PDB file of N, CA and C in Angstrom:
ATOM      1  N   MET A   1     162.361  41.897  38.338  1.00  0.00           N
ATOM      2  CA  MET A   1     162.045  40.527  38.092  1.00  0.00           C
ATOM      3  C   MET A   1     160.131  40.229  38.582  1.00  0.00           C
ATOM      4  N   ARG A   2     160.041  41.175  40.155  1.00  0.00           N
ATOM      5  CA  ARG A   2     158.702  40.497  40.601  1.00  0.00           C
ATOM      6  C   ARG A   2     157.803  41.157  39.925  1.00  0.00           C
ATOM      7  N   LYS A   3     157.963  42.615  39.649  1.00  0.00           N
ATOM      8  CA  LYS A   3     157.293  43.134  38.859  1.00  0.00           C
ATOM      9  C   LYS A   3     156.877  42.630  37.301  1.00  0.00           C
ATOM     10  N   PHE A   4     157.477  41.898  36.804  1.00  0.00           N
ATOM     11  CA  PHE A   4     157.152  41.436  35.788  1.00  0.00           C
ATOM     12  C   PHE A   4     156.614  40.131  35.963  1.00  0.00           C
ATOM     13  N   LEU A   5     157.138  39.221  37.161  1.00  0.00           N
ATOM     14  CA  LEU A   5     155.972  38.063  37.217  1.00  0.00           C
ATOM     15  C   LEU A   5     154.330  38.473  37.502  1.00  0.00           C
ATOM     16  N   LEU A   6     154.291  39.525  38.169  1.00  0.00           N
ATOM     17  CA  LEU A   6     153.474  39.920  38.954  1.00  0.00           C
ATOM     18  C   LEU A   6     152.292  40.566  37.568  1.00  0.00           C
ATOM     19  N   ALA A   7     152.811  41.403  36.576  1.00  0.00           N
ATOM     20  CA  ALA A   7     152.170  41.310  35.627  1.00  0.00           C
ATOM     21  C   ALA A   7     152.159  40.185  34.527  1.00  0.00           C
ATOM     22  N   ALA A   8     152.801  39.675  34.374  1.00  0.00           N
ATOM     23  CA  ALA A   8     152.662  38.595  33.550  1.00  0.00           C
ATOM     24  C   ALA A   8     151.210  37.338  33.954  1.00  0.00           C
ATOM     25  N   SER A   9     151.392  37.143  35.444  1.00  0.00           N
ATOM     26  CA  SER A   9     150.219  36.516  35.858  1.00  0.00           C
ATOM     27  C   SER A   9     148.853  37.264  35.971  1.00  0.00           C
ATOM     28  N   SER A  10     149.076  38.613  36.211  1.00  0.00           N
ATOM     29  CA  SER A  10     147.826  39.474  36.245  1.00  0.00           C
ATOM     30  C   SER A  10     147.288  39.334  34.720  1.00  0.00           C
ATOM     31  N   ASP A  11     148.042  39.329  33.878  1.00  0.00           N
ATOM     32  CA  ASP A  11     147.846  39.241  32.389  1.00  0.00           C
ATOM     33  C   ASP A  11     146.790  38.468  32.089  1.00  0.00           C
ATOM     34  N   PHE A  12     148.226  37.077  32.579  1.00  0.00           N
ATOM     35  CA  PHE A  12     147.145  35.820  32.438  1.00  0.00           C
ATOM     36  C   PHE A  12     145.950  35.672  32.915  1.00  0.00           C
ATOM     37  N   VAL A  13     145.666  35.976  34.109  1.00  0.00           N
ATOM     38  CA  VAL A  13     144.604  36.126  35.031  1.00  0.00           C
ATOM     39  C   VAL A  13     143.198  36.562  34.237  1.00  0.00           C
ATOM     40  N   THR A  14     143.775  37.925  33.846  1.00  0.00           N
ATOM     41  CA  THR A  14     142.306  38.701  32.730  1.00  0.00           C
ATOM     42  C   THR A  14     142.248  38.400  31.663  1.00  0.00           C
ATOM     43  N   THR A  15     143.438  37.197  30.909  1.00  0.00           N
ATOM     44  CA  THR A  15     142.615  36.734  29.889  1.00  0.00           C
ATOM     45  C   THR A  15     142.020  35.312  29.675  1.00  0.00           C
ATOM     46  N   VAL A  16     142.957  34.479  30.408  1.00  0.00           N
ATOM     47  CA  VAL A  16     142.225  33.044  30.604  1.00  0.00           C
ATOM     48  C   VAL A  16     140.539  32.994  31.676  1.00  0.00           C
ATOM     49  N   PHE A  17     140.458  33.963  32.426  1.00  0.00           N
ATOM     50  CA  PHE A  17     139.407  33.329  33.285  1.00  0.00           C
ATOM     51  C   PHE A  17     137.969  33.603  32.534  1.00  0.00           C
ATOM     52  N   PRO A  18     137.983  34.387  31.804  1.00  0.00           N
ATOM     53  CA  PRO A  18     136.501  34.958  31.237  1.00  0.00           C
ATOM     54  C   PRO A  18     136.294  33.716  30.110  1.00  0.00           C
ATOM     55  N   ILE A  19     137.552  33.318  29.404  1.00  0.00           N
ATOM     56  CA  ILE A  19     137.322  32.256  28.715  1.00  0.00           C
ATOM     57  C   ILE A  19     136.860  30.854  29.517  1.00  0.00           C
ATOM     58  N   LEU A  20     137.840  30.773  30.433  1.00  0.00           N
ATOM     59  CA  LEU A  20     136.896  29.458  31.649  1.00  0.00           C
ATOM     60  C   LEU A  20     135.854  29.715  31.969  1.00  0.00           C
ATOM     61  N   ARG A  21     135.326  30.833  32.046  1.00  0.00           N
ATOM     62  CA  ARG A  21     133.829  31.013  32.693  1.00  0.00           C
ATOM     63  C   ARG A  21     132.991  30.804  31.350  1.00  0.00           C
ATOM     64  N   TYR A  22     133.084  31.006  30.345  1.00  0.00           N
ATOM     65  CA  TYR A  22     132.287  31.027  29.375  1.00  0.00           C
ATOM     66  C   TYR A  22     131.955  29.240  28.929  1.00  0.00           C
ATOM     67  N   VAL A  23     133.600  28.353  29.440  1.00  0.00           N
ATOM     68  CA  VAL A  23     133.448  27.131  28.958  1.00  0.00           C
ATOM     69  C   VAL A  23     132.791  26.298  29.969  1.00  0.00           C
ATOM     70  N   LEU A  24     133.103  26.889  31.540  1.00  0.00           N
ATOM     71  CA  LEU A  24     132.197  26.427  32.454  1.00  0.00           C
ATOM     72  C   LEU A  24     130.751  26.327  32.273  1.00  0.00           C
ATOM     73  N   VAL A  25     130.250  27.085  31.807  1.00  0.00           N
ATOM     74  CA  VAL A  25     128.860  27.851  31.647  1.00  0.00           C
ATOM     75  C   VAL A  25     127.899  26.627  30.507  1.00  0.00           C
ATOM     76  N   ALA A  26     129.174  26.483  29.444  1.00  0.00           N
ATOM     77  CA  ALA A  26     128.654  25.946  28.407  1.00  0.00           C
ATOM     78  C   ALA A  26     128.701  24.161  28.926  1.00  0.00           C
ATOM     79  N   ILE A  27     129.588  23.996  29.642  1.00  0.00           N
ATOM     80  CA  ILE A  27     129.714  22.229  30.375  1.00  0.00           C
ATOM     81  C   ILE A  27     128.249  22.309  31.254  1.00  0.00           C
ATOM     82  N   MET A  28     127.958  23.163  32.123  1.00  0.00           N
ATOM     83  CA  MET A  28     126.883  23.136  32.778  1.00  0.00           C
ATOM     84  C   MET A  28     125.492  23.275  31.962  1.00  0.00           C
ATOM     85  N   PHE A  29     125.697  23.497  30.833  1.00  0.00           N
ATOM     86  CA  PHE A  29     124.435  23.636  29.763  1.00  0.00           C
ATOM     87  C   PHE A  29     124.163  22.507  29.288  1.00  0.00           C
ATOM     88  N   LEU A  30     125.229  21.504  28.964  1.00  0.00           N
ATOM     89  CA  LEU A  30     125.238  20.397  28.312  1.00  0.00           C
ATOM     90  C   LEU A  30     124.723  19.187  29.355  1.00  0.00           C
ATOM     91  N   CYS A  31     125.630  19.369  30.416  1.00  0.00           N
ATOM     92  CA  CYS A  31     124.908  18.371  31.496  1.00  0.00           C
ATOM     93  C   CYS A  31     123.749  18.751  31.806  1.00  0.00           C
ATOM     94  N   ALA A  32     123.021  19.736  32.522  1.00  0.00           N
ATOM     95  CA  ALA A  32     121.742  20.144  32.613  1.00  0.00           C
ATOM     96  C   ALA A  32     121.297  19.363  31.077  1.00  0.00           C
ATOM     97  N   VAL A  33     121.431  19.557  29.950  1.00  0.00           N
ATOM     98  CA  VAL A  33     120.425  19.019  28.679  1.00  0.00           C
ATOM     99  C   VAL A  33     120.448  17.659  29.425  1.00  0.00           C
ATOM    100  N   PHE A  34     121.466  17.090  29.407  1.00  0.00           N
ATOM    101  CA  PHE A  34     121.548  15.376  29.389  1.00  0.00           C
ATOM    102  C   PHE A  34     120.951  14.922  30.511  1.00  0.00           C
ATOM    103  N   MET A  35     121.080  15.987  31.983  1.00  0.00           N
ATOM    104  CA  MET A  35     120.450  15.414  32.933  1.00  0.00           C
ATOM    105  C   MET A  35     118.909  15.362  32.862  1.00  0.00           C
ATOM    106  N   ILE A  36     118.271  16.396  32.156  1.00  0.00           N
ATOM    107  CA  ILE A  36     116.696  16.458  31.802  1.00  0.00           C
ATOM    108  C   ILE A  36     116.491  15.423  30.890  1.00  0.00           C
ATOM    109  N   ILE A  37     117.354  14.930  30.130  1.00  0.00           N
ATOM    110  CA  ILE A  37     116.800  13.927  29.041  1.00  0.00           C
ATOM    111  C   ILE A  37     116.891  12.427  29.762  1.00  0.00           C
ATOM    112  N   SER A  38     117.929  12.067  30.357  1.00  0.00           N
ATOM    113  CA  SER A  38     118.185  10.844  30.964  1.00  0.00           C
ATOM    114  C   SER A  38     116.811  10.790  32.406  1.00  0.00           C
ATOM    115  N   THR A  39     116.506  11.875  32.946  1.00  0.00           N
ATOM    116  CA  THR A  39     115.825  12.033  33.941  1.00  0.00           C
ATOM    117  C   THR A  39     114.331  11.435  33.203  1.00  0.00           C
ATOM    118  N   LEU A  40     113.902  12.261  32.101  1.00  0.00           N
ATOM    119  CA  LEU A  40     112.670  11.788  31.436  1.00  0.00           C
ATOM    120  C   LEU A  40     112.608  10.584  30.711  1.00  0.00           C
ATOM    121  N   LEU A  41     113.853   9.691  30.307  1.00  0.00           N
ATOM    122  CA  LEU A  41     113.661   8.307  29.653  1.00  0.00           C
ATOM    123  C   LEU A  41     113.922   7.649  31.015  1.00  0.00           C
ATOM    124  N   GLN A  42     114.083   7.745  32.283  1.00  0.00           N
ATOM    125  CA  GLN A  42     113.741   6.724  33.338  1.00  0.00           C
ATOM    126  C   GLN A  42     112.286   6.197  33.557  1.00  0.00           C
ATOM    127  N   SER A  43     112.581   5.129  34.171  1.00  0.00           N
ATOM    128  CA  SER A  43     111.025   4.652  33.950  1.00  0.00           C
ATOM    129  C   SER A  43     110.761   5.086  35.764  1.00  0.00           C
ATOM    130  N   SER A  44     109.278   5.330  35.836  1.00  0.00           N
ATOM    131  CA  SER A  44     108.827   5.185  37.273  1.00  0.00           C
ATOM    132  C   SER A  44     108.848   4.087  37.977  1.00  0.00           C
ATOM    133  N   ASN A  45     109.208   4.338  39.387  1.00  0.00           N
ATOM    134  CA  ASN A  45     109.285   3.153  40.583  1.00  0.00           C
ATOM    135  C   ASN A  45     107.737   2.650  41.447  1.00  0.00           C
ATOM    136  N   GLU A  46     107.137   2.476  40.358  1.00  0.00           N
ATOM    137  CA  GLU A  46     105.736   2.312  41.420  1.00  0.00           C
ATOM    138  C   GLU A  46     105.913   0.783  41.233  1.00  0.00           C
ATOM    139  N   GLU A  47     105.916   0.693  42.856  1.00  0.00           N
ATOM    140  CA  GLU A  47     105.764  -1.286  42.988  1.00  0.00           C
ATOM    141  C   GLU A  47     104.913  -1.476  43.895  1.00  0.00           C
ATOM    142  N   ASN A  48     104.157  -0.436  44.380  1.00  0.00           N
ATOM    143  CA  ASN A  48     103.205  -0.426  45.362  1.00  0.00           C
ATOM    144  C   ASN A  48     103.342  -0.809  46.387  1.00  0.00           C
ATOM    145  N   GLY A  49     104.618  -0.811  46.665  1.00  0.00           N
ATOM    146  CA  GLY A  49     104.814  -1.255  48.083  1.00  0.00           C
ATOM    147  C   GLY A  49     104.775  -2.541  48.814  1.00  0.00           C
ATOM    148  N   ALA A  50     104.803  -3.343  47.841  1.00  0.00           N
ATOM    149  CA  ALA A  50     104.878  -5.064  48.074  1.00  0.00           C
ATOM    150  C   ALA A  50     106.120  -5.428  48.640  1.00  0.00           C
ATOM    151  N   GLY A  51     107.287  -5.150  47.610  1.00  0.00           N
ATOM    152  CA  GLY A  51     108.470  -5.305  48.440  1.00  0.00           C
ATOM    153  C   GLY A  51     109.066  -5.055  49.781  1.00  0.00           C
ATOM    154  N   VAL A  52     108.594  -3.650  49.788  1.00  0.00           N
ATOM    155  CA  VAL A  52     108.789  -3.156  51.477  1.00  0.00           C
ATOM    156  C   VAL A  52     108.135  -3.968  52.505  1.00  0.00           C
ATOM    157  N   ILE A  53     106.869  -4.199  52.406  1.00  0.00           N
ATOM    158  CA  ILE A  53     106.129  -5.315  53.423  1.00  0.00           C
ATOM    159  C   ILE A  53     106.731  -6.931  53.482  1.00  0.00           C
ATOM    160  N   SER A  54     106.988  -7.358  52.188  1.00  0.00           N
ATOM    161  CA  SER A  54     107.256  -9.019  52.257  1.00  0.00           C
ATOM    162  C   SER A  54     109.204  -8.636  52.941  1.00  0.00           C
ATOM    163  N   GLY A  55     110.030  -7.702  52.110  1.00  0.00           N
ATOM    164  CA  GLY A  55     111.150  -7.956  52.684  1.00  0.00           C
ATOM    165  C   GLY A  55     112.042  -8.822  51.369  1.00  0.00           C
ATOM    166  N   GLN A  56     111.376  -9.384  50.343  1.00  0.00           N
ATOM    167  CA  GLN A  56     111.920 -10.106  49.277  1.00  0.00           C
ATOM    168  C   GLN A  56     112.219  -9.141  47.860  1.00  0.00           C
ATOM    169  N   GLU A  57     113.633  -9.622  47.409  1.00  0.00           N
ATOM    170  CA  GLU A  57     113.897  -8.833  46.732  1.00  0.00           C
ATOM    171  C   GLU A  57     113.753  -9.393  45.360  1.00  0.00           C
ATOM    172  N   SER A  58     113.356  -9.413  43.966  1.00  0.00           N
ATOM    173  CA  SER A  58     113.624 -10.215  43.170  1.00  0.00           C
ATOM    174  C   SER A  58     114.881 -10.055  42.144  1.00  0.00           C
ATOM    175  N   TYR A  59     115.330 -10.852  41.222  1.00  0.00           N
ATOM    176  CA  TYR A  59     116.437 -10.768  40.230  1.00  0.00           C
ATOM    177  C   TYR A  59     116.686  -9.288  39.637  1.00  0.00           C
ATOM    178  N   TYR A  60     115.255  -9.141  39.423  1.00  0.00           N
ATOM    179  CA  TYR A  60     115.714  -7.195  38.372  1.00  0.00           C
ATOM    180  C   TYR A  60     116.252  -6.310  39.771  1.00  0.00           C
ATOM    181  N   GLN A  61     115.659  -6.391  40.901  1.00  0.00           N
ATOM    182  CA  GLN A  61     116.042  -5.751  41.902  1.00  0.00           C
ATOM    183  C   GLN A  61     117.618  -5.832  42.230  1.00  0.00           C
ATOM    184  N   GLN A  62     117.665  -7.127  42.408  1.00  0.00           N
ATOM    185  CA  GLN A  62     119.424  -6.929  42.869  1.00  0.00           C
ATOM    186  C   GLN A  62     120.138  -6.689  41.614  1.00  0.00           C
ATOM    187  N   ASN A  63     119.742  -6.303  40.346  1.00  0.00           N
ATOM    188  CA  ASN A  63     120.763  -6.311  39.127  1.00  0.00           C
ATOM    189  C   ASN A  63     120.150  -5.193  38.740  1.00  0.00           C
ATOM    190  N   LYS A  64     119.676  -3.776  39.710  1.00  0.00           N
ATOM    191  CA  LYS A  64     119.295  -2.839  38.855  1.00  0.00           C
ATOM    192  C   LYS A  64     120.527  -1.878  38.648  1.00  0.00           C
ATOM    193  N   GLY A  65     121.528  -1.972  38.735  1.00  0.00           N
ATOM    194  CA  GLY A  65     122.472  -1.338  38.551  1.00  0.00           C
ATOM    195  C   GLY A  65     123.103  -1.623  37.157  1.00  0.00           C
ATOM    196  N   GLU A  66     122.707  -2.665  36.399  1.00  0.00           N
ATOM    197  CA  GLU A  66     123.085  -2.737  34.872  1.00  0.00           C
ATOM    198  C   GLU A  66     122.191  -2.837  34.010  1.00  0.00           C
ATOM    199  N   SER A  67     120.813  -2.422  34.696  1.00  0.00           N
ATOM    200  CA  SER A  67     119.652  -2.083  33.675  1.00  0.00           C
ATOM    201  C   SER A  67     119.703  -0.651  32.893  1.00  0.00           C
ATOM    202  N   ARG A  68     119.130  -0.770  32.018  1.00  0.00           N
ATOM    203  CA  ARG A  68     118.739   0.757  31.524  1.00  0.00           C
ATOM    204  C   ARG A  68     118.249   1.839  32.209  1.00  0.00           C
ATOM    205  N   ASP A  69     117.660   1.465  33.292  1.00  0.00           N
ATOM    206  CA  ASP A  69     117.222   2.539  34.364  1.00  0.00           C
ATOM    207  C   ASP A  69     118.534   2.819  35.441  1.00  0.00           C
ATOM    208  N   GLY A  70     119.134   1.693  35.556  1.00  0.00           N
ATOM    209  CA  GLY A  70     120.349   1.703  36.425  1.00  0.00           C
ATOM    210  C   GLY A  70     121.516   2.711  35.520  1.00  0.00           C
ATOM    211  N   LYS A  71     121.574   2.786  34.416  1.00  0.00           N
ATOM    212  CA  LYS A  71     122.832   3.042  33.730  1.00  0.00           C
ATOM    213  C   LYS A  71     122.212   4.755  33.704  1.00  0.00           C
ATOM    214  N   LEU A  72     120.966   4.651  33.376  1.00  0.00           N
ATOM    215  CA  LEU A  72     120.206   6.253  33.036  1.00  0.00           C
ATOM    216  C   LEU A  72     120.507   7.014  34.349  1.00  0.00           C
ATOM    217  N   LYS A  73     120.391   6.048  35.931  1.00  0.00           N
ATOM    218  CA  LYS A  73     120.607   6.910  37.114  1.00  0.00           C
ATOM    219  C   LYS A  73     122.049   7.061  37.311  1.00  0.00           C
ATOM    220  N   LYS A  74     122.808   6.678  36.596  1.00  0.00           N
ATOM    221  CA  LYS A  74     124.071   6.676  37.059  1.00  0.00           C
ATOM    222  C   LYS A  74     124.763   8.017  35.865  1.00  0.00           C
ATOM    223  N   VAL A  75     123.895   7.898  34.757  1.00  0.00           N
ATOM    224  CA  VAL A  75     124.276   9.585  34.155  1.00  0.00           C
ATOM    225  C   VAL A  75     123.809  10.729  34.703  1.00  0.00           C
ATOM    226  N   THR A  76     122.565  10.405  35.171  1.00  0.00           N
ATOM    227  CA  THR A  76     122.067  11.455  35.898  1.00  0.00           C
ATOM    228  C   THR A  76     122.522  11.900  37.069  1.00  0.00           C
ATOM    229  N   THR A  77     123.409  10.880  37.776  1.00  0.00           N
ATOM    230  CA  THR A  77     124.195  11.260  38.931  1.00  0.00           C
ATOM    231  C   THR A  77     125.601  11.831  38.746  1.00  0.00           C
ATOM    232  N   ILE A  78     126.003  11.721  37.487  1.00  0.00           N
ATOM    233  CA  ILE A  78     127.616  12.367  37.148  1.00  0.00           C
ATOM    234  C   ILE A  78     127.163  13.637  36.561  1.00  0.00           C
ATOM    235  N   CYS A  79     126.196  13.753  35.652  1.00  0.00           N
ATOM    236  CA  CYS A  79     125.869  14.915  35.454  1.00  0.00           C
ATOM    237  C   CYS A  79     125.310  16.098  36.250  1.00  0.00           C
ATOM    238  N   ALA A  80     124.862  15.888  37.513  1.00  0.00           N
ATOM    239  CA  ALA A  80     124.293  16.475  38.528  1.00  0.00           C
ATOM    240  C   ALA A  80     126.092  17.099  39.389  1.00  0.00           C
ATOM    241  N   ILE A  81     127.129  15.583  39.606  1.00  0.00           N
ATOM    242  CA  ILE A  81     127.760  16.265  40.302  1.00  0.00           C
ATOM    243  C   ILE A  81     129.162  17.001  39.530  1.00  0.00           C
ATOM    244  N   VAL A  82     129.049  16.985  38.169  1.00  0.00           N
ATOM    245  CA  VAL A  82     129.845  17.934  37.116  1.00  0.00           C
ATOM    246  C   VAL A  82     129.379  19.203  37.026  1.00  0.00           C
ATOM    247  N   ILE A  83     127.841  19.250  37.429  1.00  0.00           N
ATOM    248  CA  ILE A  83     127.228  20.725  37.301  1.00  0.00           C
ATOM    249  C   ILE A  83     127.516  21.210  38.676  1.00  0.00           C
ATOM    250  N   ALA A  84     127.818  20.626  39.648  1.00  0.00           N
ATOM    251  CA  ALA A  84     127.994  21.087  41.009  1.00  0.00           C
ATOM    252  C   ALA A  84     129.599  21.449  41.100  1.00  0.00           C
ATOM    253  N   VAL A  85     130.343  20.438  40.515  1.00  0.00           N
ATOM    254  CA  VAL A  85     131.715  21.025  40.481  1.00  0.00           C
ATOM    255  C   VAL A  85     132.029  22.293  39.455  1.00  0.00           C
ATOM    256  N   CYS A  86     131.683  22.313  38.286  1.00  0.00           N
ATOM    257  CA  CYS A  86     131.630  23.888  37.529  1.00  0.00           C
ATOM    258  C   CYS A  86     131.044  24.766  38.053  1.00  0.00           C
ATOM    259  N   ALA A  87     129.863  24.636  38.960  1.00  0.00           N
ATOM    260  CA  ALA A  87     129.636  26.221  39.538  1.00  0.00           C
ATOM    261  C   ALA A  87     130.329  26.497  40.582  1.00  0.00           C
ATOM    262  N   VAL A  88     130.938  25.602  41.173  1.00  0.00           N
ATOM    263  CA  VAL A  88     131.884  26.015  42.490  1.00  0.00           C
ATOM    264  C   VAL A  88     133.220  26.811  41.802  1.00  0.00           C
ATOM    265  N   LEU A  89     133.603  25.964  40.837  1.00  0.00           N
ATOM    266  CA  LEU A  89     134.797  26.682  39.779  1.00  0.00           C
ATOM    267  C   LEU A  89     134.663  27.887  39.374  1.00  0.00           C
ATOM    268  N   TYR A  90     133.362  28.208  39.038  1.00  0.00           N
ATOM    269  CA  TYR A  90     132.692  29.393  38.328  1.00  0.00           C
ATOM    270  C   TYR A  90     132.742  30.476  38.885  1.00  0.00           C
ATOM    271  N   PHE A  91     132.315  30.086  40.364  1.00  0.00           N
ATOM    272  CA  PHE A  91     132.261  31.219  41.295  1.00  0.00           C
ATOM    273  C   PHE A  91     133.504  31.519  42.025  1.00  0.00           C
ATOM    274  N   VAL A  92     134.437  30.386  42.130  1.00  0.00           N
ATOM    275  CA  VAL A  92     135.843  30.976  42.724  1.00  0.00           C
ATOM    276  C   VAL A  92     136.364  31.598  41.362  1.00  0.00           C
ATOM    277  N   SER A  93     136.197  31.473  40.362  1.00  0.00           N
ATOM    278  CA  SER A  93     137.022  32.307  39.418  1.00  0.00           C
ATOM    279  C   SER A  93     136.460  33.745  39.577  1.00  0.00           C
ATOM    280  N   LEU A  94     135.401  33.922  39.870  1.00  0.00           N
ATOM    281  CA  LEU A  94     134.676  35.164  39.755  1.00  0.00           C
ATOM    282  C   LEU A  94     135.667  36.187  41.144  1.00  0.00           C
ATOM    283  N   LEU A  95     135.461  35.340  42.086  1.00  0.00           N
ATOM    284  CA  LEU A  95     136.455  35.673  43.358  1.00  0.00           C
ATOM    285  C   LEU A  95     137.681  36.111  42.915  1.00  0.00           C
ATOM    286  N   ILE A  96     138.427  35.269  42.319  1.00  0.00           N
ATOM    287  CA  ILE A  96     139.954  35.652  41.963  1.00  0.00           C
ATOM    288  C   ILE A  96     139.879  36.551  41.047  1.00  0.00           C
ATOM    289  N   ASN A  97     139.529  36.752  40.343  1.00  0.00           N
ATOM    290  CA  ASN A  97     139.334  37.964  39.213  1.00  0.00           C
ATOM    291  C   ASN A  97     138.816  38.814  39.491  1.00  0.00           C
ATOM    292  N   GLY A  98     137.627  38.871  39.872  1.00  0.00           N
ATOM    293  CA  GLY A  98     136.843  40.264  40.506  1.00  0.00           C
ATOM    294  C   GLY A  98     136.073  40.694  39.464  1.00  0.00           C
TER     295      GLY A  98
END
């Protein structure tokens, strides 16, 4: 019985892990494309340092997370996290399957 379970798990690993790796690479590729696009769509942060010296924040600076640039920064951050998690899973699957 034990040999059957080991053979079945070994067969499962050898058939599923290569497919899993292709899926992870595709997800990383798509997230990288979205990350590049969202980074290029963000506006530059040129404030000329006036807010740093005076210490005052405008209404726009207080609600930056709800603006277009704030949403693009969130997309960029989420894509970067997904890429990092997929890369770790990819290399763990390489270590397990060999």
